[in-house]
Protein backbone atom coordinates (compact mmCIF):
# COMPACT_ATOMS: atom_id res chain seq x y z
CA MET A 1 0.00 0.00 0.00
CA VAL A 2 1.30 3.47 -0.94
CA GLN A 3 1.36 6.03 1.83
CA PRO A 4 0.38 9.64 0.97
CA VAL A 5 3.20 12.14 1.05
CA ALA A 6 2.90 14.72 3.80
CA GLY A 7 1.79 18.10 2.42
CA ALA A 8 0.69 16.66 -0.96
CA VAL A 9 -2.43 18.15 -2.52
CA ALA A 10 -5.07 15.81 -3.95
CA PRO A 11 -5.62 16.33 -7.70
CA GLN A 12 -8.72 18.32 -8.60
CA PRO A 13 -10.97 17.34 -11.51
CA VAL A 14 -10.63 19.50 -14.61
CA ILE A 15 -13.86 21.32 -15.45
CA ILE A 16 -14.30 22.02 -19.17
CA PRO A 17 -16.68 24.93 -19.78
CA ALA A 18 -19.57 24.35 -22.16
CA ILE A 19 -19.61 26.69 -25.16
CA PRO A 20 -23.13 27.53 -26.38
CA VAL A 21 -23.86 26.72 -30.02
CA ARG A 22 -25.14 30.26 -30.62
CA GLU A 23 -21.62 31.57 -29.90
CA VAL A 24 -19.89 29.04 -32.16
CA LEU A 25 -22.32 29.11 -35.10
CA PRO A 26 -21.31 32.52 -36.58
CA TRP A 27 -17.62 31.55 -36.49
CA ALA A 28 -18.38 28.15 -38.05
CA LEU A 29 -20.34 29.82 -40.87
CA PHE A 30 -17.56 32.36 -41.42
CA GLY A 31 -14.92 29.61 -41.53
CA GLY A 32 -17.07 27.55 -43.90
CA LEU A 33 -17.48 30.54 -46.22
CA LEU A 34 -13.72 31.11 -46.25
CA MET A 35 -13.15 27.41 -47.01
CA LEU A 36 -15.63 27.53 -49.93
CA LEU A 37 -13.96 30.66 -51.26
CA ALA A 38 -10.53 29.00 -51.03
CA ILE A 39 -11.83 25.85 -52.79
CA TYR A 40 -13.28 28.01 -55.56
CA PHE A 41 -10.03 29.87 -56.15
CA VAL A 42 -7.92 26.72 -56.05
CA GLY A 43 -10.30 24.52 -58.02
CA ALA A 44 -12.31 26.62 -60.44
CA GLU A 45 -10.79 30.07 -60.95
CA GLN A 46 -9.84 29.81 -64.59
CA GLY A 47 -11.44 30.04 -67.99
CA ALA A 48 -15.19 30.69 -68.29
CA THR A 49 -15.84 30.87 -64.53
CA ALA A 50 -13.03 33.33 -63.80
CA LEU A 51 -13.88 36.31 -61.63
CA PHE A 52 -10.60 38.03 -62.43
CA HIS A 53 -9.22 38.63 -65.92
CA GLY A 54 -5.88 37.02 -66.76
CA ALA A 55 -3.96 34.11 -65.29
CA MET A 56 -2.64 35.77 -62.12
CA VAL A 57 -4.90 33.87 -59.70
CA HIS A 58 -4.29 30.62 -61.60
CA GLU A 59 -0.54 31.01 -61.33
CA PHE A 60 -0.77 31.98 -57.64
CA VAL A 61 -2.68 28.80 -56.69
CA HIS A 62 -1.12 26.52 -59.32
CA ASP A 63 0.92 24.33 -56.96
CA GLY A 64 -1.93 24.08 -54.46
CA ARG A 65 -4.20 23.02 -57.31
CA HIS A 66 -1.93 20.08 -58.14
CA LEU A 67 -1.38 19.26 -54.47
CA LEU A 68 -5.16 18.92 -53.93
CA GLY A 69 -5.63 16.89 -57.14
CA PHE A 70 -7.36 19.49 -59.32
CA PRO A 71 -6.40 19.20 -62.99
CA CYS A 72 -5.52 22.47 -64.70
CA HIS A 73 -3.56 21.63 -67.87
């Protein structure tokens, strides 16, 4: 049997605060919108669906496009 050490403090349980969904939901929607915008620019920003004229956005995300498996040429 293990004897307690004199002066030792018993461990206290960790209390994790609950975060209400109404506080998380706006941030989750904002993050989802940013993710959709990023997927658009990496996956579809070229040719007929381009929002910006020229190939600048395509060249900027070119390596990420290949890394994520989107064909581009």
